[in-house]
Protein backbone atom coordinates (compact mmCIF):
# COMPACT_ATOMS: atom_id res chain seq x y z
CA MET A 1 3.65 -37.95 -46.06
CA ARG A 2 6.63 -36.03 -44.73
CA ASN A 3 5.23 -32.75 -46.07
CA LEU A 4 1.95 -33.44 -44.35
CA LYS A 5 3.65 -33.88 -40.97
CA VAL A 6 5.58 -30.58 -41.43
CA LEU A 7 2.37 -28.80 -42.44
CA MET A 8 0.60 -30.16 -39.35
CA THR A 9 3.40 -29.21 -36.93
CA LEU A 10 3.86 -25.65 -38.16
CA PRO A 11 0.42 -24.40 -36.94
CA LEU A 12 0.91 -26.26 -33.62
CA PHE A 13 4.30 -24.66 -33.19
CA ALA A 14 2.86 -21.22 -34.02
CA MET A 15 0.09 -21.65 -31.46
CA LEU A 16 2.54 -22.72 -28.86
CA LEU A 17 4.67 -19.61 -29.45
CA LEU A 18 1.56 -17.40 -29.43
CA PHE A 19 0.20 -18.59 -26.15
CA SER A 20 3.54 -18.86 -24.42
CA SER A 21 4.27 -15.21 -25.02
CA PHE A 22 1.61 -14.14 -22.57
CA THR A 23 2.54 -13.58 -18.92
CA PRO A 24 0.30 -14.40 -15.99
CA LYS A 25 -1.68 -11.55 -14.44
CA GLN A 26 0.56 -9.66 -12.04
CA ALA A 27 -0.51 -8.23 -8.74
CA PRO A 28 -0.93 -4.43 -8.69
CA LYS A 29 1.98 -2.45 -7.22
CA ASP A 30 1.62 -0.63 -3.95
CA ALA A 31 0.18 2.83 -4.12
CA ALA A 32 2.73 5.67 -4.17
CA ILE A 33 0.65 7.67 -1.64
CA VAL A 34 -0.21 5.81 1.51
CA ASN A 35 -3.00 6.88 3.86
CA TYR A 36 -2.75 6.01 7.57
CA ALA A 37 -5.45 5.72 10.18
CA TRP A 38 -4.62 8.35 12.78
CA TYR A 39 -5.62 7.97 16.40
CA ASN A 40 -5.12 10.13 19.46
CA PRO A 41 -3.20 8.70 22.44
CA ALA A 42 -6.49 7.64 24.05
CA GLY A 43 -7.18 5.38 21.04
CA GLN A 44 -9.97 7.46 19.39
CA PHE A 45 -9.93 7.63 15.56
CA ILE A 46 -9.05 11.06 14.20
CA ALA A 47 -8.87 10.72 10.38
CA TRP A 48 -7.42 8.95 7.37
CA SER A 49 -4.46 10.96 6.02
CA THR A 50 -0.95 10.82 4.61
CA LEU A 51 1.98 11.58 6.90
CA ALA A 52 2.70 14.93 5.21
CA ASN A 53 -0.89 16.05 5.38
CA ALA A 54 -1.22 14.97 9.06
CA GLU A 55 1.92 16.97 9.90
CA ILE A 56 0.53 20.07 8.19
CA VAL A 57 -2.94 19.84 9.67
CA SER A 58 -1.81 19.05 13.26
CA ASP A 59 1.28 21.28 13.14
CA ALA A 60 3.25 18.30 14.54
CA THR A 61 6.48 16.45 13.60
CA THR A 62 7.83 12.96 14.08
CA ASP A 63 10.60 14.30 16.43
CA PRO A 64 9.80 13.17 19.98
CA THR A 65 12.41 15.46 21.65
CA ASN A 66 10.53 17.57 24.28
CA GLY A 67 7.30 16.96 22.42
CA THR A 68 3.77 15.97 23.37
CA LEU A 69 2.27 12.97 21.62
CA VAL A 70 -0.81 14.06 19.70
CA ALA A 71 -1.42 11.41 17.04
CA ILE A 72 -0.39 7.85 16.23
CA GLY A 73 -0.59 6.55 12.63
CA TYR A 74 -1.46 2.97 11.89
CA SER A 75 -1.54 1.21 8.49
CA ASP A 76 -5.05 -0.11 9.23
CA GLY A 77 -8.08 0.81 11.31
CA GLY A 78 -10.89 3.19 10.80
CA PRO A 79 -13.76 5.21 12.33
CA THR A 80 -15.39 2.29 14.11
CA VAL A 81 -12.32 0.05 14.31
CA PRO A 82 -9.60 0.21 16.96
CA PRO A 83 -5.98 0.66 15.86
CA VAL A 84 -4.67 -2.36 13.97
CA GLY A 85 -1.03 -3.58 13.97
CA ALA A 86 2.03 -1.70 15.12
CA PRO A 87 2.14 2.10 14.97
CA ILE A 88 3.85 3.39 11.86
CA TYR A 89 4.26 7.07 12.84
CA ARG A 90 3.89 9.10 16.02
CA LEU A 91 3.32 12.86 15.74
CA TYR A 92 4.47 15.26 18.49
CA THR A 93 3.77 18.93 19.04
CA HIS A 94 6.41 21.17 20.47
CA PRO A 95 5.98 24.25 22.66
């Protein structure tokens, strides 16, 4: 009888170890490249782009010293949607 109990508990113990070794599904990590919704100062949507690409295309920088504001980058928004949330980046052109 004792051997029967041992033989019954071994498969149960093995199943417990097998199923406890799995981890729950983890949320995906944030993307390494982030696109921002760029708007002009009047609030009109310009494009989706990364900060680096927006600086190259607009020939602007994030330095506000003696600059003219040309674009504001938000983390959300879009072509038919007004800017959402707080501005993440502001791009300025310099004379």
